[in-house]
Amino acid sequence: MAAIIMVMRTIMTMATITTTMLADAALHRLLAWTSPAYPVGSFTYSHGLETAVEDGRVRTATDVAAYVEAVLARGGGWVDAVLFVHAYETAGDAAAFDAIAELAGAFRGSSETALESRQQGGSFLSVTRKAWPHPTLDAFAARWEGRPMAHTVVMALACAAHAIPLEPALHGWLHATAANLVSAGVRLVPLGQTDGQLALAALSHAIPAIAAKAMITSLDDLGTAAPDLELASLAHETLYTRLFRS
């Protein structure tokens, strides 16, 4: 009896260790993929923020936080969040996933934000297939060769394929989007690094509610309500001097 109990305890301990290792591996992937160091070129885009700084609408850390919150709650970031959820949930069904991917590729208000999403999507898929390979990513790459792919659906697919749970994956996506735009604001205004962190801290209070809403939003209810952001992006195309590609 004692021997049986010992074996059972050993099995339970090994299961706990295995579960922890899987959780750690998933966390490592998520941190890597949302890091500014992940080579997808995110640092070259401002999502129209450069225009808002140029015309004087964004001058302070508070202004930057308000602009980025609008992106996440009502603009392109909101669209990405909802599409991320639906892409993740359909990752096991190629036809359903491809329909989401096609919608995501077209759901942009300007040519520059389309470029922003598609260039990063292609780069993310290329890098991730080499560093974090998975047959699901290879199959998608084969189906979509030569077609524009949105960053949000490619990362959602990678997260689903590598068993990263949806909710933390979505939070990671939103945080990465916010961090990239705040970084752009720090360089454009310019702001100090502490001001940048204050803006991120303010956004951290908004992201949970945005994520929770995205988790329950249907595609039929998906849309934007941030015309100033779209106009800023359109105006960016004709700025005399530009540091960013969007």
C-alpha atoms as a PDB file:
ATOM      1  CA  MET A   1       0.000   0.000   0.000  1.00  0.00           C
ATOM      2  CA  ALA A   2       2.790   2.391   0.930  1.00  0.00           C
ATOM      3  CA  ALA A   3       4.493   1.631  -2.371  1.00  0.00           C
ATOM      4  CA  ILE A   4       1.284   2.417  -4.302  1.00  0.00           C
ATOM      5  CA  ILE A   5       0.874   5.730  -2.463  1.00  0.00           C
ATOM      6  CA  MET A   6       4.485   6.598  -3.226  1.00  0.00           C
ATOM      7  CA  VAL A   7       3.984   5.850  -6.924  1.00  0.00           C
ATOM      8  CA  MET A   8       0.813   7.936  -7.000  1.00  0.00           C
ATOM      9  CA  ARG A   9       2.590  10.852  -5.339  1.00  0.00           C
ATOM     10  CA  THR A  10       5.422  10.583  -7.853  1.00  0.00           C
ATOM     11  CA  ILE A  11       2.980  10.613 -10.771  1.00  0.00           C
ATOM     12  CA  MET A  12       1.157  13.634  -9.332  1.00  0.00           C
ATOM     13  CA  THR A  13       4.447  15.465  -8.799  1.00  0.00           C
ATOM     14  CA  MET A  14       5.561  14.734 -12.357  1.00  0.00           C
ATOM     15  CA  ALA A  15       2.192  15.933 -13.673  1.00  0.00           C
ATOM     16  CA  THR A  16       2.522  19.159 -11.696  1.00  0.00           C
ATOM     17  CA  ILE A  17       6.045  19.714 -13.015  1.00  0.00           C
ATOM     18  CA  THR A  18       4.918  19.007 -16.569  1.00  0.00           C
ATOM     19  CA  THR A  19       1.971  21.418 -16.256  1.00  0.00           C
ATOM     20  CA  THR A  20       4.239  24.114 -14.859  1.00  0.00           C
ATOM     21  CA  MET A  21       6.718  23.602 -17.662  1.00  0.00           C
ATOM     22  CA  LEU A  22       3.971  23.896 -20.264  1.00  0.00           C
ATOM     23  CA  ALA A  23       2.659  27.051 -18.609  1.00  0.00           C
ATOM     24  CA  ASP A  24       6.157  28.483 -18.488  1.00  0.00           C
ATOM     25  CA  ALA A  25       6.728  27.626 -22.144  1.00  0.00           C
ATOM     26  CA  ALA A  26       3.463  29.306 -23.163  1.00  0.00           C
ATOM     27  CA  LEU A  27       4.325  32.389 -21.134  1.00  0.00           C
ATOM     28  CA  HIS A  28       7.781  32.548 -22.702  1.00  0.00           C
ATOM     29  CA  ARG A  29       6.285  32.438 -26.189  1.00  0.00           C
ATOM     30  CA  LEU A  30       3.778  35.172 -25.394  1.00  0.00           C
ATOM     31  CA  LEU A  31       6.453  37.425 -23.901  1.00  0.00           C
ATOM     32  CA  ALA A  32       8.725  36.849 -26.896  1.00  0.00           C
ATOM     33  CA  TRP A  33       6.025  37.549 -29.477  1.00  0.00           C
ATOM     34  CA  THR A  34       4.830  40.756 -27.800  1.00  0.00           C
ATOM     35  CA  SER A  35       8.312  42.086 -27.087  1.00  0.00           C
ATOM     36  CA  PRO A  36       9.484  45.225 -28.926  1.00  0.00           C
ATOM     37  CA  ALA A  37      12.533  43.140 -29.844  1.00  0.00           C
ATOM     38  CA  TYR A  38      10.462  40.698 -31.926  1.00  0.00           C
ATOM     39  CA  PRO A  39      11.528  41.558 -35.486  1.00  0.00           C
ATOM     40  CA  VAL A  40       8.242  42.541 -37.119  1.00  0.00           C
ATOM     41  CA  GLY A  41       9.040  46.230 -37.630  1.00  0.00           C
ATOM     42  CA  SER A  42       6.455  47.601 -35.194  1.00  0.00           C
ATOM     43  CA  PHE A  43       8.758  50.457 -34.187  1.00  0.00           C
ATOM     44  CA  THR A  44       8.345  52.029 -37.638  1.00  0.00           C
ATOM     45  CA  TYR A  45       4.592  52.674 -37.297  1.00  0.00           C
ATOM     46  CA  SER A  46       2.594  55.255 -35.304  1.00  0.00           C
ATOM     47  CA  HIS A  47      -0.998  54.547 -36.446  1.00  0.00           C
ATOM     48  CA  GLY A  48      -1.549  58.205 -37.315  1.00  0.00           C
ATOM     49  CA  LEU A  49      -0.102  59.493 -34.042  1.00  0.00           C
ATOM     50  CA  GLU A  50       2.604  61.375 -35.926  1.00  0.00           C
ATOM     51  CA  THR A  51      -0.073  63.536 -37.566  1.00  0.00           C
ATOM     52  CA  ALA A  52      -1.704  64.306 -34.210  1.00  0.00           C
ATOM     53  CA  VAL A  53       1.645  65.411 -32.794  1.00  0.00           C
ATOM     54  CA  GLU A  54       2.428  67.452 -35.902  1.00  0.00           C
ATOM     55  CA  ASP A  55      -0.858  69.406 -35.764  1.00  0.00           C
ATOM     56  CA  GLY A  56      -0.650  69.969 -32.004  1.00  0.00           C
ATOM     57  CA  ARG A  57      -3.465  67.717 -30.802  1.00  0.00           C
ATOM     58  CA  VAL A  58      -1.049  65.506 -28.850  1.00  0.00           C
ATOM     59  CA  ARG A  59       1.417  67.385 -26.637  1.00  0.00           C
ATOM     60  CA  THR A  60       1.605  65.557 -23.298  1.00  0.00           C
ATOM     61  CA  ALA A  61       1.721  62.057 -21.819  1.00  0.00           C
ATOM     62  CA  THR A  62      -1.989  62.418 -21.003  1.00  0.00           C
ATOM     63  CA  ASP A  63      -2.699  63.225 -24.650  1.00  0.00           C
ATOM     64  CA  VAL A  64      -0.713  60.197 -25.797  1.00  0.00           C
ATOM     65  CA  ALA A  65      -2.615  57.925 -23.410  1.00  0.00           C
ATOM     66  CA  ALA A  66      -5.947  59.332 -24.619  1.00  0.00           C
ATOM     67  CA  TYR A  67      -4.970  58.805 -28.279  1.00  0.00           C
ATOM     68  CA  VAL A  68      -3.856  55.228 -27.686  1.00  0.00           C
ATOM     69  CA  GLU A  69      -6.959  54.428 -25.627  1.00  0.00           C
ATOM     70  CA  ALA A  70      -9.088  55.654 -28.537  1.00  0.00           C
ATOM     71  CA  VAL A  71      -7.180  53.307 -30.857  1.00  0.00           C
ATOM     72  CA  LEU A  72      -7.772  50.359 -28.521  1.00  0.00           C
ATOM     73  CA  ALA A  73     -11.351  51.097 -27.506  1.00  0.00           C
ATOM     74  CA  ARG A  74     -12.883  52.544 -30.678  1.00  0.00           C
ATOM     75  CA  GLY A  75     -10.381  52.381 -33.544  1.00  0.00           C
ATOM     76  CA  GLY A  76      -8.158  49.916 -35.340  1.00  0.00           C
ATOM     77  CA  GLY A  77      -6.931  48.385 -32.101  1.00  0.00           C
ATOM     78  CA  TRP A  78     -10.504  47.524 -31.156  1.00  0.00           C
ATOM     79  CA  VAL A  79     -11.074  45.847 -34.519  1.00  0.00           C
ATOM     80  CA  ASP A  80      -7.865  43.878 -34.044  1.00  0.00           C
ATOM     81  CA  ALA A  81      -8.912  42.766 -30.556  1.00  0.00           C
ATOM     82  CA  VAL A  82     -12.267  41.376 -31.707  1.00  0.00           C
ATOM     83  CA  LEU A  83     -10.744  39.720 -34.763  1.00  0.00           C
ATOM     84  CA  PHE A  84      -8.017  38.242 -32.544  1.00  0.00           C
ATOM     85  CA  VAL A  85     -10.686  36.492 -30.462  1.00  0.00           C
ATOM     86  CA  HIS A  86     -12.552  35.115 -33.474  1.00  0.00           C
ATOM     87  CA  ALA A  87      -9.358  34.039 -35.227  1.00  0.00           C
ATOM     88  CA  TYR A  88      -8.198  32.210 -32.102  1.00  0.00           C
ATOM     89  CA  GLU A  89     -11.544  30.453 -31.682  1.00  0.00           C
ATOM     90  CA  THR A  90     -11.586  29.259 -35.313  1.00  0.00           C
ATOM     91  CA  ALA A  91      -7.912  28.259 -35.479  1.00  0.00           C
ATOM     92  CA  GLY A  92      -8.837  24.571 -35.734  1.00  0.00           C
ATOM     93  CA  ASP A  93     -11.136  25.109 -38.731  1.00  0.00           C
ATOM     94  CA  ALA A  94      -9.184  26.223 -41.795  1.00  0.00           C
ATOM     95  CA  ALA A  95     -12.211  27.471 -43.742  1.00  0.00           C
ATOM     96  CA  ALA A  96     -13.633  29.457 -40.828  1.00  0.00           C
ATOM     97  CA  PHE A  97     -10.230  30.860 -39.928  1.00  0.00           C
ATOM     98  CA  ASP A  98      -9.531  31.910 -43.507  1.00  0.00           C
ATOM     99  CA  ALA A  99     -12.822  33.827 -43.561  1.00  0.00           C
ATOM    100  CA  ILE A 100     -11.696  35.770 -40.478  1.00  0.00           C
ATOM    101  CA  ALA A 101      -8.260  36.310 -42.003  1.00  0.00           C
ATOM    102  CA  GLU A 102      -9.830  37.682 -45.187  1.00  0.00           C
ATOM    103  CA  LEU A 103     -12.007  40.082 -43.192  1.00  0.00           C
ATOM    104  CA  ALA A 104      -9.040  41.216 -41.104  1.00  0.00           C
ATOM    105  CA  GLY A 105      -6.980  41.870 -44.211  1.00  0.00           C
ATOM    106  CA  ALA A 106      -9.647  44.228 -45.540  1.00  0.00           C
ATOM    107  CA  PHE A 107     -10.786  45.898 -42.290  1.00  0.00           C
ATOM    108  CA  ARG A 108      -8.623  49.014 -42.453  1.00  0.00           C
ATOM    109  CA  GLY A 109      -9.503  52.678 -42.899  1.00  0.00           C
ATOM    110  CA  SER A 110      -6.395  53.815 -44.772  1.00  0.00           C
ATOM    111  CA  SER A 111      -3.650  52.429 -46.975  1.00  0.00           C
ATOM    112  CA  GLU A 112      -1.005  53.133 -44.313  1.00  0.00           C
ATOM    113  CA  THR A 113      -2.760  51.254 -41.519  1.00  0.00           C
ATOM    114  CA  ALA A 114      -3.338  48.413 -43.986  1.00  0.00           C
ATOM    115  CA  LEU A 115       0.401  48.395 -44.700  1.00  0.00           C
ATOM    116  CA  GLU A 116       1.096  48.497 -40.954  1.00  0.00           C
ATOM    117  CA  SER A 117      -1.014  45.405 -40.294  1.00  0.00           C
ATOM    118  CA  ARG A 118      -0.047  43.392 -43.357  1.00  0.00           C
ATOM    119  CA  GLN A 119       3.698  43.989 -43.228  1.00  0.00           C
ATOM    120  CA  GLN A 120       3.842  43.027 -39.566  1.00  0.00           C
ATOM    121  CA  GLY A 121       1.612  40.009 -40.198  1.00  0.00           C
ATOM    122  CA  GLY A 122       3.872  38.675 -42.921  1.00  0.00           C
ATOM    123  CA  SER A 123       6.984  39.314 -40.856  1.00  0.00           C
ATOM    124  CA  PHE A 124       5.470  37.698 -37.772  1.00  0.00           C
ATOM    125  CA  LEU A 125       4.546  34.558 -39.687  1.00  0.00           C
ATOM    126  CA  SER A 126       7.969  34.290 -41.307  1.00  0.00           C
ATOM    127  CA  VAL A 127       9.927  34.739 -38.075  1.00  0.00           C
ATOM    128  CA  THR A 128       7.643  32.575 -35.962  1.00  0.00           C
ATOM    129  CA  ARG A 129       7.718  29.663 -38.397  1.00  0.00           C
ATOM    130  CA  LYS A 130      11.504  29.636 -38.108  1.00  0.00           C
ATOM    131  CA  ALA A 131      11.885  30.227 -34.373  1.00  0.00           C
ATOM    132  CA  TRP A 132       8.669  28.587 -33.085  1.00  0.00           C
ATOM    133  CA  PRO A 133       7.619  26.168 -35.867  1.00  0.00           C
ATOM    134  CA  HIS A 134       4.236  24.486 -35.932  1.00  0.00           C
ATOM    135  CA  PRO A 135       2.362  22.585 -38.689  1.00  0.00           C
ATOM    136  CA  THR A 136      -0.653  24.885 -38.307  1.00  0.00           C
ATOM    137  CA  LEU A 137       1.454  27.901 -39.201  1.00  0.00           C
ATOM    138  CA  ASP A 138       3.007  26.059 -42.140  1.00  0.00           C
ATOM    139  CA  ALA A 139      -0.424  25.089 -43.455  1.00  0.00           C
ATOM    140  CA  PHE A 140      -1.665  28.669 -43.226  1.00  0.00           C
ATOM    141  CA  ALA A 141       1.459  29.977 -44.955  1.00  0.00           C
ATOM    142  CA  ALA A 142       0.902  27.522 -47.805  1.00  0.00           C
ATOM    143  CA  ARG A 143      -2.749  28.518 -48.193  1.00  0.00           C
ATOM    144  CA  TRP A 144      -2.038  32.261 -48.036  1.00  0.00           C
ATOM    145  CA  GLU A 145       1.167  32.526 -50.024  1.00  0.00           C
ATOM    146  CA  GLY A 146       1.240  35.900 -51.756  1.00  0.00           C
ATOM    147  CA  ARG A 147      -1.917  37.163 -50.025  1.00  0.00           C
ATOM    148  CA  PRO A 148      -1.998  39.991 -47.458  1.00  0.00           C
ATOM    149  CA  MET A 149      -2.351  38.755 -43.896  1.00  0.00           C
ATOM    150  CA  ALA A 150      -3.258  40.864 -40.872  1.00  0.00           C
ATOM    151  CA  HIS A 151      -0.911  40.779 -37.904  1.00  0.00           C
ATOM    152  CA  THR A 152      -3.713  40.161 -35.406  1.00  0.00           C
ATOM    153  CA  VAL A 153      -4.964  36.927 -36.983  1.00  0.00           C
ATOM    154  CA  VAL A 154      -1.477  35.520 -37.531  1.00  0.00           C
ATOM    155  CA  MET A 155      -0.556  36.025 -33.894  1.00  0.00           C
ATOM    156  CA  ALA A 156      -3.912  34.623 -32.766  1.00  0.00           C
ATOM    157  CA  LEU A 157      -3.243  31.528 -34.869  1.00  0.00           C
ATOM    158  CA  ALA A 158       0.225  31.132 -33.372  1.00  0.00           C
ATOM    159  CA  CYS A 159      -1.140  31.484 -29.841  1.00  0.00           C
ATOM    160  CA  ALA A 160      -3.827  28.875 -30.459  1.00  0.00           C
ATOM    161  CA  ALA A 161      -1.380  26.498 -32.128  1.00  0.00           C
ATOM    162  CA  HIS A 162       1.092  26.777 -29.233  1.00  0.00           C
ATOM    163  CA  ALA A 163      -1.585  26.390 -26.529  1.00  0.00           C
ATOM    164  CA  ILE A 164      -1.393  29.907 -25.124  1.00  0.00           C
ATOM    165  CA  PRO A 165      -4.801  30.537 -23.502  1.00  0.00           C
ATOM    166  CA  LEU A 166      -6.980  33.105 -25.243  1.00  0.00           C
ATOM    167  CA  GLU A 167      -7.459  35.640 -22.449  1.00  0.00           C
ATOM    168  CA  PRO A 168      -3.774  36.234 -21.598  1.00  0.00           C
ATOM    169  CA  ALA A 169      -2.939  36.135 -25.299  1.00  0.00           C
ATOM    170  CA  LEU A 170      -5.457  38.909 -25.963  1.00  0.00           C
ATOM    171  CA  HIS A 171      -4.158  40.967 -23.046  1.00  0.00           C
ATOM    172  CA  GLY A 172      -0.637  40.523 -24.407  1.00  0.00           C
ATOM    173  CA  TRP A 173      -1.740  41.697 -27.845  1.00  0.00           C
ATOM    174  CA  LEU A 174      -3.447  44.807 -26.455  1.00  0.00           C
ATOM    175  CA  HIS A 175      -0.505  45.633 -24.195  1.00  0.00           C
ATOM    176  CA  ALA A 176       1.949  45.274 -27.082  1.00  0.00           C
ATOM    177  CA  THR A 177      -0.169  47.578 -29.255  1.00  0.00           C
ATOM    178  CA  ALA A 178      -0.364  50.155 -26.477  1.00  0.00           C
ATOM    179  CA  ALA A 179       3.348  49.928 -25.688  1.00  0.00           C
ATOM    180  CA  ASN A 180       4.338  50.380 -29.330  1.00  0.00           C
ATOM    181  CA  LEU A 181       2.181  53.483 -29.765  1.00  0.00           C
ATOM    182  CA  VAL A 182       3.314  54.988 -26.469  1.00  0.00           C
ATOM    183  CA  SER A 183       6.904  54.433 -27.568  1.00  0.00           C
ATOM    184  CA  ALA A 184       6.111  56.288 -30.779  1.00  0.00           C
ATOM    185  CA  GLY A 185       4.614  59.121 -28.736  1.00  0.00           C
ATOM    186  CA  VAL A 186       7.677  59.325 -26.520  1.00  0.00           C
ATOM    187  CA  ARG A 187       9.844  59.811 -29.591  1.00  0.00           C
ATOM    188  CA  LEU A 188       7.495  62.185 -31.408  1.00  0.00           C
ATOM    189  CA  VAL A 189       6.348  64.693 -28.771  1.00  0.00           C
ATOM    190  CA  PRO A 190       9.038  64.149 -27.363  1.00  0.00           C
ATOM    191  CA  LEU A 191       8.462  62.875 -23.834  1.00  0.00           C
ATOM    192  CA  GLY A 192      10.691  61.490 -21.122  1.00  0.00           C
ATOM    193  CA  GLN A 193      10.779  57.785 -20.423  1.00  0.00           C
ATOM    194  CA  THR A 194       8.947  58.308 -17.114  1.00  0.00           C
ATOM    195  CA  ASP A 195       6.136  60.095 -18.940  1.00  0.00           C
ATOM    196  CA  GLY A 196       5.917  57.106 -21.267  1.00  0.00           C
ATOM    197  CA  GLN A 197       5.518  54.762 -18.325  1.00  0.00           C
ATOM    198  CA  LEU A 198       2.861  57.021 -16.812  1.00  0.00           C
ATOM    199  CA  ALA A 199       0.923  56.770 -20.075  1.00  0.00           C
ATOM    200  CA  LEU A 200       1.257  52.977 -20.064  1.00  0.00           C
ATOM    201  CA  ALA A 201       0.156  52.822 -16.443  1.00  0.00           C
ATOM    202  CA  ALA A 202      -2.951  54.819 -17.297  1.00  0.00           C
ATOM    203  CA  LEU A 203      -3.698  52.500 -20.226  1.00  0.00           C
ATOM    204  CA  SER A 204      -3.287  49.419 -18.038  1.00  0.00           C
ATOM    205  CA  HIS A 205      -6.510  50.401 -16.270  1.00  0.00           C
ATOM    206  CA  ALA A 206      -8.425  50.522 -19.558  1.00  0.00           C
ATOM    207  CA  ILE A 207      -7.138  47.348 -21.202  1.00  0.00           C
ATOM    208  CA  PRO A 208      -8.965  44.769 -19.007  1.00  0.00           C
ATOM    209  CA  ALA A 209     -12.386  46.224 -19.863  1.00  0.00           C
ATOM    210  CA  ILE A 210     -11.490  46.432 -23.556  1.00  0.00           C
ATOM    211  CA  ALA A 211     -10.360  42.793 -23.538  1.00  0.00           C
ATOM    212  CA  ALA A 212     -13.468  41.637 -21.690  1.00  0.00           C
ATOM    213  CA  LYS A 213     -15.732  43.384 -24.195  1.00  0.00           C
ATOM    214  CA  ALA A 214     -13.779  42.010 -27.159  1.00  0.00           C
ATOM    215  CA  MET A 215     -14.227  38.474 -25.818  1.00  0.00           C
ATOM    216  CA  ILE A 216     -18.023  38.720 -26.196  1.00  0.00           C
ATOM    217  CA  THR A 217     -18.378  40.925 -29.291  1.00  0.00           C
ATOM    218  CA  SER A 218     -19.753  39.313 -32.432  1.00  0.00           C
ATOM    219  CA  LEU A 219     -18.507  40.088 -35.909  1.00  0.00           C
ATOM    220  CA  ASP A 220     -21.927  41.550 -36.718  1.00  0.00           C
ATOM    221  CA  ASP A 221     -21.363  44.170 -34.014  1.00  0.00           C
ATOM    222  CA  LEU A 222     -17.804  44.991 -35.050  1.00  0.00           C
ATOM    223  CA  GLY A 223     -17.038  48.530 -36.144  1.00  0.00           C
ATOM    224  CA  THR A 224     -15.091  51.683 -35.344  1.00  0.00           C
ATOM    225  CA  ALA A 225     -16.130  55.010 -33.850  1.00  0.00           C
ATOM    226  CA  ALA A 226     -12.956  57.067 -34.102  1.00  0.00           C
ATOM    227  CA  PRO A 227     -13.076  59.189 -37.277  1.00  0.00           C
ATOM    228  CA  ASP A 228     -10.322  61.510 -36.025  1.00  0.00           C
ATOM    229  CA  LEU A 229      -7.923  58.552 -35.963  1.00  0.00           C
ATOM    230  CA  GLU A 230      -8.786  57.580 -39.523  1.00  0.00           C
ATOM    231  CA  LEU A 231      -8.385  61.190 -40.680  1.00  0.00           C
ATOM    232  CA  ALA A 232      -5.032  61.418 -38.905  1.00  0.00           C
ATOM    233  CA  SER A 233      -3.880  58.323 -40.743  1.00  0.00           C
ATOM    234  CA  LEU A 234      -5.068  59.652 -44.098  1.00  0.00           C
ATOM    235  CA  ALA A 235      -3.365  63.006 -43.488  1.00  0.00           C
ATOM    236  CA  HIS A 236      -0.130  61.247 -42.592  1.00  0.00           C
ATOM    237  CA  GLU A 237       0.253  60.161 -46.202  1.00  0.00           C
ATOM    238  CA  THR A 238       0.904  63.766 -47.237  1.00  0.00           C
ATOM    239  CA  LEU A 239       2.979  65.063 -44.304  1.00  0.00           C
ATOM    240  CA  TYR A 240       6.013  66.951 -45.576  1.00  0.00           C
ATOM    241  CA  THR A 241       8.386  65.088 -43.262  1.00  0.00           C
ATOM    242  CA  ARG A 242       7.677  61.746 -41.642  1.00  0.00           C
ATOM    243  CA  LEU A 243       9.533  59.584 -39.132  1.00  0.00           C
ATOM    244  CA  PHE A 244       7.012  56.712 -39.236  1.00  0.00           C
ATOM    245  CA  ARG A 245       5.384  54.693 -41.979  1.00  0.00           C
ATOM    246  CA  SER A 246       1.854  55.265 -40.663  1.00  0.00           C
END
